[in-house]
Amino acid sequence: YGYDMKKISDGGIYDLFIPGAKAGDMYKYLIISQSGEALYKADPY
């Protein structure tokens, strides 16, 4: 919470800049589906 990504295209691209994050940090995307399911996903890219 407080780290929600903004939808920046009609095609479904989301982005966010996080100050203080750095190379070597571990992360995932928490995606809430239309049904409300919480999915913890590795970054495809």
All heavy atoms as atom14 arrays in JSON, in Angstrom:
{
  "sequence": "YGYDMKKISDGGIYDLFIPGAKAGDMYKYLIISQSGEALYKADPY",
  "atom14_mask": [
    [1, 1, 1, 1, 1, 1, 1, 1, 1, 1, 1, 1, 0, 0],
    [1, 1, 1, 1, 0, 0, 0, 0, 0, 0, 0, 0, 0, 0],
    [1, 1, 1, 1, 1, 1, 1, 1, 1, 1, 1, 1, 0, 0],
    [1, 1, 1, 1, 1, 1, 1, 1, 0, 0, 0, 0, 0, 0],
    [1, 1, 1, 1, 1, 1, 1, 1, 0, 0, 0, 0, 0, 0],
    [1, 1, 1, 1, 1, 1, 1, 1, 1, 0, 0, 0, 0, 0],
    [1, 1, 1, 1, 1, 1, 1, 1, 1, 0, 0, 0, 0, 0],
    [1, 1, 1, 1, 1, 1, 1, 1, 0, 0, 0, 0, 0, 0],
    [1, 1, 1, 1, 1, 1, 0, 0, 0, 0, 0, 0, 0, 0],
    [1, 1, 1, 1, 1, 1, 1, 1, 0, 0, 0, 0, 0, 0],
    [1, 1, 1, 1, 0, 0, 0, 0, 0, 0, 0, 0, 0, 0],
    [1, 1, 1, 1, 0, 0, 0, 0, 0, 0, 0, 0, 0, 0],
    [1, 1, 1, 1, 1, 1, 1, 1, 0, 0, 0, 0, 0, 0],
    [1, 1, 1, 1, 1, 1, 1, 1, 1, 1, 1, 1, 0, 0],
    [1, 1, 1, 1, 1, 1, 1, 1, 0, 0, 0, 0, 0, 0],
    [1, 1, 1, 1, 1, 1, 1, 1, 0, 0, 0, 0, 0, 0],
    [1, 1, 1, 1, 1, 1, 1, 1, 1, 1, 1, 0, 0, 0],
    [1, 1, 1, 1, 1, 1, 1, 1, 0, 0, 0, 0, 0, 0],
    [1, 1, 1, 1, 1, 1, 1, 0, 0, 0, 0, 0, 0, 0],
    [1, 1, 1, 1, 0, 0, 0, 0, 0, 0, 0, 0, 0, 0],
    [1, 1, 1, 1, 1, 0, 0, 0, 0, 0, 0, 0, 0, 0],
    [1, 1, 1, 1, 1, 1, 1, 1, 1, 0, 0, 0, 0, 0],
    [1, 1, 1, 1, 1, 0, 0, 0, 0, 0, 0, 0, 0, 0],
    [1, 1, 1, 1, 0, 0, 0, 0, 0, 0, 0, 0, 0, 0],
    [1, 1, 1, 1, 1, 1, 1, 1, 0, 0, 0, 0, 0, 0],
    [1, 1, 1, 1, 1, 1, 1, 1, 0, 0, 0, 0, 0, 0],
    [1, 1, 1, 1, 1, 1, 1, 1, 1, 1, 1, 1, 0, 0],
    [1, 1, 1, 1, 1, 1, 1, 1, 1, 0, 0, 0, 0, 0],
    [1, 1, 1, 1, 1, 1, 1, 1, 1, 1, 1, 1, 0, 0],
    [1, 1, 1, 1, 1, 1, 1, 1, 0, 0, 0, 0, 0, 0],
    [1, 1, 1, 1, 1, 1, 1, 1, 0, 0, 0, 0, 0, 0],
    [1, 1, 1, 1, 1, 1, 1, 1, 0, 0, 0, 0, 0, 0],
    [1, 1, 1, 1, 1, 1, 0, 0, 0, 0, 0, 0, 0, 0],
    [1, 1, 1, 1, 1, 1, 1, 1, 1, 0, 0, 0, 0, 0],
    [1, 1, 1, 1, 1, 1, 0, 0, 0, 0, 0, 0, 0, 0],
    [1, 1, 1, 1, 0, 0, 0, 0, 0, 0, 0, 0, 0, 0],
    [1, 1, 1, 1, 1, 1, 1, 1, 1, 0, 0, 0, 0, 0],
    [1, 1, 1, 1, 1, 0, 0, 0, 0, 0, 0, 0, 0, 0],
    [1, 1, 1, 1, 1, 1, 1, 1, 0, 0, 0, 0, 0, 0],
    [1, 1, 1, 1, 1, 1, 1, 1, 1, 1, 1, 1, 0, 0],
    [1, 1, 1, 1, 1, 1, 1, 1, 1, 0, 0, 0, 0, 0],
    [1, 1, 1, 1, 1, 0, 0, 0, 0, 0, 0, 0, 0, 0],
    [1, 1, 1, 1, 1, 1, 1, 1, 0, 0, 0, 0, 0, 0],
    [1, 1, 1, 1, 1, 1, 1, 0, 0, 0, 0, 0, 0, 0],
    [1, 1, 1, 1, 1, 1, 1, 1, 1, 1, 1, 1, 0, 0]
  ],
  "atom14_positions": [
    [[0.82, -1.2, 0.0], [0.0, 0.0, 0.0], [0.85, 1.25, 0.0], [1.81, 1.39, 0.76], [-1.0, -0.06, 1.15], [-1.88, -1.28, 0.98], [-1.63, -2.45, 1.69], [-2.86, -1.29, -0.01], [-2.38, -3.59, 1.46], [-3.61, -2.43, -0.24], [-3.37, -3.57, 0.49], [-4.1, -4.7, 0.24], [0.0, 0.0, 0.0], [0.0, 0.0, 0.0]],
    [[0.47, 2.18, -0.9], [1.28, 3.36, -1.14], [2.24, 3.15, -2.3], [2.91, 4.1, -2.72], [0.0, 0.0, 0.0], [0.0, 0.0, 0.0], [0.0, 0.0, 0.0], [0.0, 0.0, 0.0], [0.0, 0.0, 0.0], [0.0, 0.0, 0.0], [0.0, 0.0, 0.0], [0.0, 0.0, 0.0], [0.0, 0.0, 0.0], [0.0, 0.0, 0.0]],
    [[2.28, 1.94, -2.83], [3.18, 1.63, -3.95], [2.37, 1.07, -5.12], [2.78, 0.15, -5.82], [4.26, 0.64, -3.52], [5.22, 1.25, -2.52], [4.98, 1.17, -1.16], [6.33, 1.96, -2.95], [5.83, 1.75, -0.23], [7.2, 2.55, -2.04], [6.94, 2.44, -0.68], [7.79, 3.04, 0.22], [0.0, 0.0, 0.0], [0.0, 0.0, 0.0]],
    [[1.18, 1.67, -5.28], [0.34, 1.24, -6.39], [0.83, 1.86, -7.69], [1.22, 3.03, -7.75], [-1.13, 1.61, -6.14], [-1.29, 3.05, -5.68], [-0.51, 3.47, -4.82], [-2.18, 3.75, -6.19], [0.0, 0.0, 0.0], [0.0, 0.0, 0.0], [0.0, 0.0, 0.0], [0.0, 0.0, 0.0], [0.0, 0.0, 0.0], [0.0, 0.0, 0.0]],
    [[0.84, 1.04, -8.73], [1.3, 1.48, -10.04], [0.16, 2.18, -10.78], [-1.02, 1.86, -10.59], [1.81, 0.29, -10.86], [2.93, -0.48, -10.19], [3.58, -1.82, -11.22], [4.68, -0.93, -12.34], [0.0, 0.0, 0.0], [0.0, 0.0, 0.0], [0.0, 0.0, 0.0], [0.0, 0.0, 0.0], [0.0, 0.0, 0.0], [0.0, 0.0, 0.0]],
    [[0.53, 3.13, -11.63], [-0.46, 3.9, -12.37], [-0.63, 3.3, -13.76], [0.36, 3.02, -14.45], [0.01, 5.35, -12.46], [-0.93, 6.27, -13.22], [-0.32, 7.66, -13.36], [-1.2, 8.56, -14.22], [-0.56, 9.88, -14.47], [0.0, 0.0, 0.0], [0.0, 0.0, 0.0], [0.0, 0.0, 0.0], [0.0, 0.0, 0.0], [0.0, 0.0, 0.0]],
    [[-1.87, 3.15, -14.18], [-2.14, 2.66, -15.53], [-1.9, 3.81, -16.51], [-2.54, 4.86, -16.4], [-3.57, 2.15, -15.64], [-3.87, 1.43, -16.96], [-5.28, 0.85, -16.93], [-5.59, 0.09, -18.21], [-6.95, -0.47, -18.2], [0.0, 0.0, 0.0], [0.0, 0.0, 0.0], [0.0, 0.0, 0.0], [0.0, 0.0, 0.0], [0.0, 0.0, 0.0]],
    [[-0.97, 3.62, -17.43], [-0.56, 4.73, -18.3], [-0.96, 4.51, -19.76], [-0.64, 5.35, -20.6], [0.95, 4.97, -18.21], [1.74, 3.71, -18.62], [1.35, 5.42, -16.81], [3.22, 3.96, -18.83], [0.0, 0.0, 0.0], [0.0, 0.0, 0.0], [0.0, 0.0, 0.0], [0.0, 0.0, 0.0], [0.0, 0.0, 0.0], [0.0, 0.0, 0.0]],
    [[-1.61, 3.41, -20.06], [-2.05, 3.19, -21.45], [-3.33, 2.38, -21.46], [-3.6, 1.58, -20.56], [-0.97, 2.44, -22.25], [-1.0, 1.06, -21.97], [0.0, 0.0, 0.0], [0.0, 0.0, 0.0], [0.0, 0.0, 0.0], [0.0, 0.0, 0.0], [0.0, 0.0, 0.0], [0.0, 0.0, 0.0], [0.0, 0.0, 0.0], [0.0, 0.0, 0.0]],
    [[-4.11, 2.6, -22.52], [-5.34, 1.82, -22.67], [-5.02, 0.34, -22.85], [-5.85, -0.52, -22.56], [-6.13, 2.32, -23.89], [-6.66, 3.74, -23.69], [-6.78, 4.15, -22.51], [-6.92, 4.43, -24.69], [0.0, 0.0, 0.0], [0.0, 0.0, 0.0], [0.0, 0.0, 0.0], [0.0, 0.0, 0.0], [0.0, 0.0, 0.0], [0.0, 0.0, 0.0]],
    [[-3.81, 0.05, -23.32], [-3.41, -1.34, -23.53], [-3.06, -2.09, -22.26], [-2.81, -3.3, -22.3], [0.0, 0.0, 0.0], [0.0, 0.0, 0.0], [0.0, 0.0, 0.0], [0.0, 0.0, 0.0], [0.0, 0.0, 0.0], [0.0, 0.0, 0.0], [0.0, 0.0, 0.0], [0.0, 0.0, 0.0], [0.0, 0.0, 0.0], [0.0, 0.0, 0.0]],
    [[-2.99, -1.38, -21.14], [-2.78, -2.07, -19.87], [-1.37, -2.04, -19.33], [-0.96, -2.94, -18.59], [0.0, 0.0, 0.0], [0.0, 0.0, 0.0], [0.0, 0.0, 0.0], [0.0, 0.0, 0.0], [0.0, 0.0, 0.0], [0.0, 0.0, 0.0], [0.0, 0.0, 0.0], [0.0, 0.0, 0.0], [0.0, 0.0, 0.0], [0.0, 0.0, 0.0]],
    [[-0.59, -1.0, -19.68], [0.75, -0.83, -19.11], [0.66, 0.0, -17.84], [-0.02, 1.03, -17.81], [1.7, -0.14, -20.12], [1.83, -0.99, -21.39], [3.07, 0.09, -19.49], [2.63, -0.31, -22.49], [0.0, 0.0, 0.0], [0.0, 0.0, 0.0], [0.0, 0.0, 0.0], [0.0, 0.0, 0.0], [0.0, 0.0, 0.0], [0.0, 0.0, 0.0]],
    [[1.33, -0.46, -16.8], [1.39, 0.24, -15.52], [2.85, 0.62, -15.24], [3.77, -0.12, -15.59], [0.91, -0.66, -14.38], [-0.56, -0.98, -14.41], [-1.09, -1.9, -15.31], [-1.44, -0.38, -13.5], [-2.44, -2.21, -15.32], [-2.8, -0.68, -13.5], [-3.29, -1.59, -14.41], [-4.63, -1.9, -14.42], [0.0, 0.0, 0.0], [0.0, 0.0, 0.0]],
    [[3.04, 1.79, -14.57], [4.4, 2.13, -14.18], [4.46, 2.84, -12.83], [3.43, 3.3, -12.31], [5.11, 2.94, -15.27], [4.73, 4.41, -15.31], [3.76, 4.82, -14.64], [5.4, 5.17, -16.05], [0.0, 0.0, 0.0], [0.0, 0.0, 0.0], [0.0, 0.0, 0.0], [0.0, 0.0, 0.0], [0.0, 0.0, 0.0], [0.0, 0.0, 0.0]],
    [[5.66, 2.9, -12.26], [5.9, 3.56, -10.97], [7.4, 3.76, -10.79], [8.18, 2.85, -11.07], [5.36, 2.69, -9.82], [5.58, 3.22, -8.4], [4.78, 4.49, -8.15], [5.21, 2.14, -7.37], [0.0, 0.0, 0.0], [0.0, 0.0, 0.0], [0.0, 0.0, 0.0], [0.0, 0.0, 0.0], [0.0, 0.0, 0.0], [0.0, 0.0, 0.0]],
    [[7.78, 4.96, -10.35], [9.17, 5.22, -9.97], [9.26, 5.21, -8.45], [8.5, 5.9, -7.77], [9.64, 6.58, -10.51], [11.11, 6.84, -10.25], [12.07, 6.41, -11.15], [11.52, 7.48, -9.09], [13.43, 6.64, -10.92], [12.88, 7.71, -8.85], [13.82, 7.29, -9.76], [0.0, 0.0, 0.0], [0.0, 0.0, 0.0], [0.0, 0.0, 0.0]],
    [[10.19, 4.4, -7.91], [10.34, 4.29, -6.45], [11.7, 4.85, -6.05], [12.73, 4.2, -6.29], [10.18, 2.84, -5.97], [8.8, 2.3, -6.35], [10.4, 2.74, -4.46], [8.53, 0.88, -5.91], [0.0, 0.0, 0.0], [0.0, 0.0, 0.0], [0.0, 0.0, 0.0], [0.0, 0.0, 0.0], [0.0, 0.0, 0.0], [0.0, 0.0, 0.0]],
    [[11.73, 6.05, -5.45], [12.99, 6.6, -4.96], [13.59, 5.71, -3.87], [12.85, 5.14, -3.05], [12.59, 7.97, -4.39], [11.25, 8.26, -4.99], [10.6, 6.94, -5.19], [0.0, 0.0, 0.0], [0.0, 0.0, 0.0], [0.0, 0.0, 0.0], [0.0, 0.0, 0.0], [0.0, 0.0, 0.0], [0.0, 0.0, 0.0], [0.0, 0.0, 0.0]],
    [[14.89, 5.56, -3.88], [15.57, 4.77, -2.85], [15.74, 3.31, -3.2], [16.6, 2.62, -2.64], [0.0, 0.0, 0.0], [0.0, 0.0, 0.0], [0.0, 0.0, 0.0], [0.0, 0.0, 0.0], [0.0, 0.0, 0.0], [0.0, 0.0, 0.0], [0.0, 0.0, 0.0], [0.0, 0.0, 0.0], [0.0, 0.0, 0.0], [0.0, 0.0, 0.0]],
    [[14.92, 2.81, -4.13], [15.15, 1.44, -4.62], [16.44, 1.43, -5.42], [16.83, 2.44, -6.01], [13.98, 0.97, -5.46], [0.0, 0.0, 0.0], [0.0, 0.0, 0.0], [0.0, 0.0, 0.0], [0.0, 0.0, 0.0], [0.0, 0.0, 0.0], [0.0, 0.0, 0.0], [0.0, 0.0, 0.0], [0.0, 0.0, 0.0], [0.0, 0.0, 0.0]],
    [[17.1, 0.27, -5.47], [18.43, 0.24, -6.1], [18.73, -1.13, -6.69], [18.02, -2.12, -6.4], [19.5, 0.6, -5.07], [19.58, -0.36, -3.9], [20.53, 0.14, -2.83], [20.69, -0.87, -1.7], [19.41, -1.24, -1.07], [0.0, 0.0, 0.0], [0.0, 0.0, 0.0], [0.0, 0.0, 0.0], [0.0, 0.0, 0.0], [0.0, 0.0, 0.0]],
    [[19.78, -1.18, -7.49], [20.23, -2.46, -8.06], [20.55, -3.43, -6.93], [21.16, -3.05, -5.92], [21.45, -2.25, -8.94], [0.0, 0.0, 0.0], [0.0, 0.0, 0.0], [0.0, 0.0, 0.0], [0.0, 0.0, 0.0], [0.0, 0.0, 0.0], [0.0, 0.0, 0.0], [0.0, 0.0, 0.0], [0.0, 0.0, 0.0], [0.0, 0.0, 0.0]],
    [[20.11, -4.67, -7.1], [20.32, -5.69, -6.07], [19.11, -5.94, -5.21], [19.04, -6.95, -4.49], [0.0, 0.0, 0.0], [0.0, 0.0, 0.0], [0.0, 0.0, 0.0], [0.0, 0.0, 0.0], [0.0, 0.0, 0.0], [0.0, 0.0, 0.0], [0.0, 0.0, 0.0], [0.0, 0.0, 0.0], [0.0, 0.0, 0.0], [0.0, 0.0, 0.0]],
    [[18.14, -5.02, -5.25], [16.92, -5.19, -4.44], [16.02, -6.26, -5.05], [15.82, -6.31, -6.28], [16.13, -3.88, -4.37], [16.77, -2.86, -3.44], [17.67, -3.25, -2.66], [16.36, -1.68, -3.49], [0.0, 0.0, 0.0], [0.0, 0.0, 0.0], [0.0, 0.0, 0.0], [0.0, 0.0, 0.0], [0.0, 0.0, 0.0], [0.0, 0.0, 0.0]],
    [[15.43, -7.08, -4.2], [14.45, -8.07, -4.64], [13.07, -7.42, -4.71], [12.75, -6.54, -3.92], [14.42, -9.26, -3.68], [15.67, -10.11, -3.71], [15.55, -11.57, -2.65], [15.68, -10.82, -1.03], [0.0, 0.0, 0.0], [0.0, 0.0, 0.0], [0.0, 0.0, 0.0], [0.0, 0.0, 0.0], [0.0, 0.0, 0.0], [0.0, 0.0, 0.0]],
    [[12.26, -7.9, -5.65], [10.91, -7.34, -5.79], [9.99, -8.32, -6.52], [10.45, -9.28, -7.15], [10.95, -6.01, -6.55], [11.27, -6.14, -8.02], [10.27, -6.09, -8.99], [12.59, -6.31, -8.46], [10.57, -6.2, -10.34], [12.89, -6.41, -9.82], [11.87, -6.36, -10.75], [12.16, -6.48, -12.09], [0.0, 0.0, 0.0], [0.0, 0.0, 0.0]],
    [[8.68, -8.05, -6.41], [7.66, -8.74, -7.19], [6.54, -7.75, -7.49], [6.48, -6.67, -6.91], [7.09, -9.94, -6.42], [7.92, -11.21, -6.52], [7.16, -12.41, -5.96], [7.97, -13.69, -6.14], [7.23, -14.87, -5.63], [0.0, 0.0, 0.0], [0.0, 0.0, 0.0], [0.0, 0.0, 0.0], [0.0, 0.0, 0.0], [0.0, 0.0, 0.0]],
    [[5.67, -8.15, -8.38], [4.44, -7.4, -8.61], [3.31, -8.11, -7.87], [3.16, -9.34, -7.99], [4.11, -7.33, -10.09], [5.11, -6.55, -10.91], [5.84, -7.16, -11.92], [5.33, -5.2, -10.66], [6.77, -6.44, -12.67], [6.27, -4.47, -11.4], [6.98, -5.11, -12.4], [7.9, -4.4, -13.13], [0.0, 0.0, 0.0], [0.0, 0.0, 0.0]],
    [[2.56, -7.33, -7.1], [1.33, -7.84, -6.5], [0.19, -7.38, -7.39], [-0.08, -6.18, -7.52], [1.15, -7.31, -5.08], [-0.22, -7.57, -4.42], [-0.58, -9.05, -4.41], [-0.26, -6.98, -3.02], [0.0, 0.0, 0.0], [0.0, 0.0, 0.0], [0.0, 0.0, 0.0], [0.0, 0.0, 0.0], [0.0, 0.0, 0.0], [0.0, 0.0, 0.0]],
    [[-0.45, -8.33, -8.04], [-1.52, -8.02, -8.98], [-2.85, -8.49, -8.4], [-2.99, -9.65, -7.99], [-1.26, -8.71, -10.34], [0.07, -8.2, -10.94], [-2.41, -8.45, -11.3], [0.47, -8.89, -12.22], [0.0, 0.0, 0.0], [0.0, 0.0, 0.0], [0.0, 0.0, 0.0], [0.0, 0.0, 0.0], [0.0, 0.0, 0.0], [0.0, 0.0, 0.0]],
    [[-3.79, -7.56, -8.33], [-5.15, -7.9, -7.88], [-6.0, -8.12, -9.12], [-6.14, -7.22, -9.96], [-5.75, -6.78, -7.01], [-4.79, -6.4, -5.87], [-7.11, -7.22, -6.46], [-4.44, -7.53, -4.93], [0.0, 0.0, 0.0], [0.0, 0.0, 0.0], [0.0, 0.0, 0.0], [0.0, 0.0, 0.0], [0.0, 0.0, 0.0], [0.0, 0.0, 0.0]],
    [[-6.52, -9.32, -9.26], [-7.31, -9.65, -10.44], [-8.7, -9.04, -10.35], [-9.11, -8.51, -9.31], [-7.41, -11.17, -10.59], [-8.29, -11.69, -9.61], [0.0, 0.0, 0.0], [0.0, 0.0, 0.0], [0.0, 0.0, 0.0], [0.0, 0.0, 0.0], [0.0, 0.0, 0.0], [0.0, 0.0, 0.0], [0.0, 0.0, 0.0], [0.0, 0.0, 0.0]],
    [[-9.45, -9.16, -11.43], [-10.82, -8.63, -11.45], [-11.7, -9.31, -10.4], [-12.64, -8.7, -9.88], [-11.43, -8.81, -12.85], [-10.82, -7.9, -13.91], [-11.06, -6.43, -13.64], [-12.07, -6.03, -13.06], [-10.1, -5.6, -14.04], [0.0, 0.0, 0.0], [0.0, 0.0, 0.0], [0.0, 0.0, 0.0], [0.0, 0.0, 0.0], [0.0, 0.0, 0.0]],
    [[-11.38, -10.55, -10.06], [-12.16, -11.27, -9.05], [-11.66, -11.0, -7.63], [-12.22, -11.53, -6.67], [-12.12, -12.77, -9.33], [-10.79, -13.27, -9.16], [0.0, 0.0, 0.0], [0.0, 0.0, 0.0], [0.0, 0.0, 0.0], [0.0, 0.0, 0.0], [0.0, 0.0, 0.0], [0.0, 0.0, 0.0], [0.0, 0.0, 0.0], [0.0, 0.0, 0.0]],
    [[-10.6, -10.2, -7.51], [-10.07, -9.87, -6.19], [-8.96, -10.77, -5.71], [-8.44, -10.62, -4.6], [0.0, 0.0, 0.0], [0.0, 0.0, 0.0], [0.0, 0.0, 0.0], [0.0, 0.0, 0.0], [0.0, 0.0, 0.0], [0.0, 0.0, 0.0], [0.0, 0.0, 0.0], [0.0, 0.0, 0.0], [0.0, 0.0, 0.0], [0.0, 0.0, 0.0]],
    [[-8.53, -11.72, -6.55], [-7.45, -12.63, -6.17], [-6.12, -11.88, -6.16], [-5.84, -11.07, -7.05], [-7.39, -13.79, -7.16], [-6.33, -14.84, -6.82], [-6.23, -15.93, -7.88], [-6.91, -15.83, -8.92], [-5.46, -16.88, -7.66], [0.0, 0.0, 0.0], [0.0, 0.0, 0.0], [0.0, 0.0, 0.0], [0.0, 0.0, 0.0], [0.0, 0.0, 0.0]],
    [[-5.3, -12.15, -5.14], [-3.97, -11.53, -5.05], [-2.94, -12.47, -5.67], [-2.78, -13.62, -5.23], [-3.62, -11.25, -3.59], [0.0, 0.0, 0.0], [0.0, 0.0, 0.0], [0.0, 0.0, 0.0], [0.0, 0.0, 0.0], [0.0, 0.0, 0.0], [0.0, 0.0, 0.0], [0.0, 0.0, 0.0], [0.0, 0.0, 0.0], [0.0, 0.0, 0.0]],
    [[-2.24, -11.98, -6.69], [-1.23, -12.77, -7.4], [0.14, -12.14, -7.2], [0.32, -10.94, -7.45], [-1.56, -12.82, -8.89], [-2.94, -13.38, -9.28], [-3.25, -13.08, -10.73], [-3.0, -14.88, -9.02], [0.0, 0.0, 0.0], [0.0, 0.0, 0.0], [0.0, 0.0, 0.0], [0.0, 0.0, 0.0], [0.0, 0.0, 0.0], [0.0, 0.0, 0.0]],
    [[1.09, -12.93, -6.73], [2.46, -12.44, -6.52], [3.32, -12.93, -7.68], [3.63, -14.12, -7.77], [3.0, -12.94, -5.18], [2.27, -12.34, -4.0], [1.11, -12.94, -3.5], [2.72, -11.17, -3.4], [0.42, -12.38, -2.42], [2.04, -10.61, -2.32], [0.9, -11.22, -1.84], [0.23, -10.65, -0.78], [0.0, 0.0, 0.0], [0.0, 0.0, 0.0]],
    [[3.67, -12.01, -8.57], [4.31, -12.39, -9.83], [5.73, -11.84, -9.95], [6.01, -10.68, -9.6], [3.48, -11.86, -11.01], [2.14, -12.56, -11.18], [2.31, -14.0, -11.66], [1.0, -14.68, -11.97], [1.2, -16.04, -12.51], [0.0, 0.0, 0.0], [0.0, 0.0, 0.0], [0.0, 0.0, 0.0], [0.0, 0.0, 0.0], [0.0, 0.0, 0.0]],
    [[6.62, -12.69, -10.46], [7.94, -12.21, -10.87], [7.76, -11.31, -12.08], [6.77, -11.4, -12.8], [8.85, -13.37, -11.21], [0.0, 0.0, 0.0], [0.0, 0.0, 0.0], [0.0, 0.0, 0.0], [0.0, 0.0, 0.0], [0.0, 0.0, 0.0], [0.0, 0.0, 0.0], [0.0, 0.0, 0.0], [0.0, 0.0, 0.0], [0.0, 0.0, 0.0]],
    [[8.74, -10.44, -12.31], [8.69, -9.49, -13.42], [9.04, -10.2, -14.72], [10.14, -10.74, -14.86], [9.69, -8.37, -13.14], [9.66, -7.27, -14.18], [8.99, -7.43, -15.22], [10.32, -6.23, -13.96], [0.0, 0.0, 0.0], [0.0, 0.0, 0.0], [0.0, 0.0, 0.0], [0.0, 0.0, 0.0], [0.0, 0.0, 0.0], [0.0, 0.0, 0.0]],
    [[8.11, -10.22, -15.72], [8.42, -10.9, -16.99], [9.65, -10.34, -17.68], [10.32, -11.04, -18.44], [7.17, -10.64, -17.83], [6.08, -10.38, -16.84], [6.74, -9.69, -15.69], [0.0, 0.0, 0.0], [0.0, 0.0, 0.0], [0.0, 0.0, 0.0], [0.0, 0.0, 0.0], [0.0, 0.0, 0.0], [0.0, 0.0, 0.0], [0.0, 0.0, 0.0]],
    [[9.97, -9.05, -17.43], [11.1, -8.39, -18.09], [12.31, -8.24, -17.16], [13.27, -7.54, -17.51], [10.69, -7.02, -18.62], [9.77, -7.07, -19.82], [8.39, -7.17, -19.66], [10.27, -7.01, -21.11], [7.54, -7.2, -20.76], [9.43, -7.05, -22.22], [8.06, -7.15, -22.03], [7.23, -7.19, -23.13], [0.0, 0.0, 0.0], [0.0, 0.0, 0.0]]
  ]
}
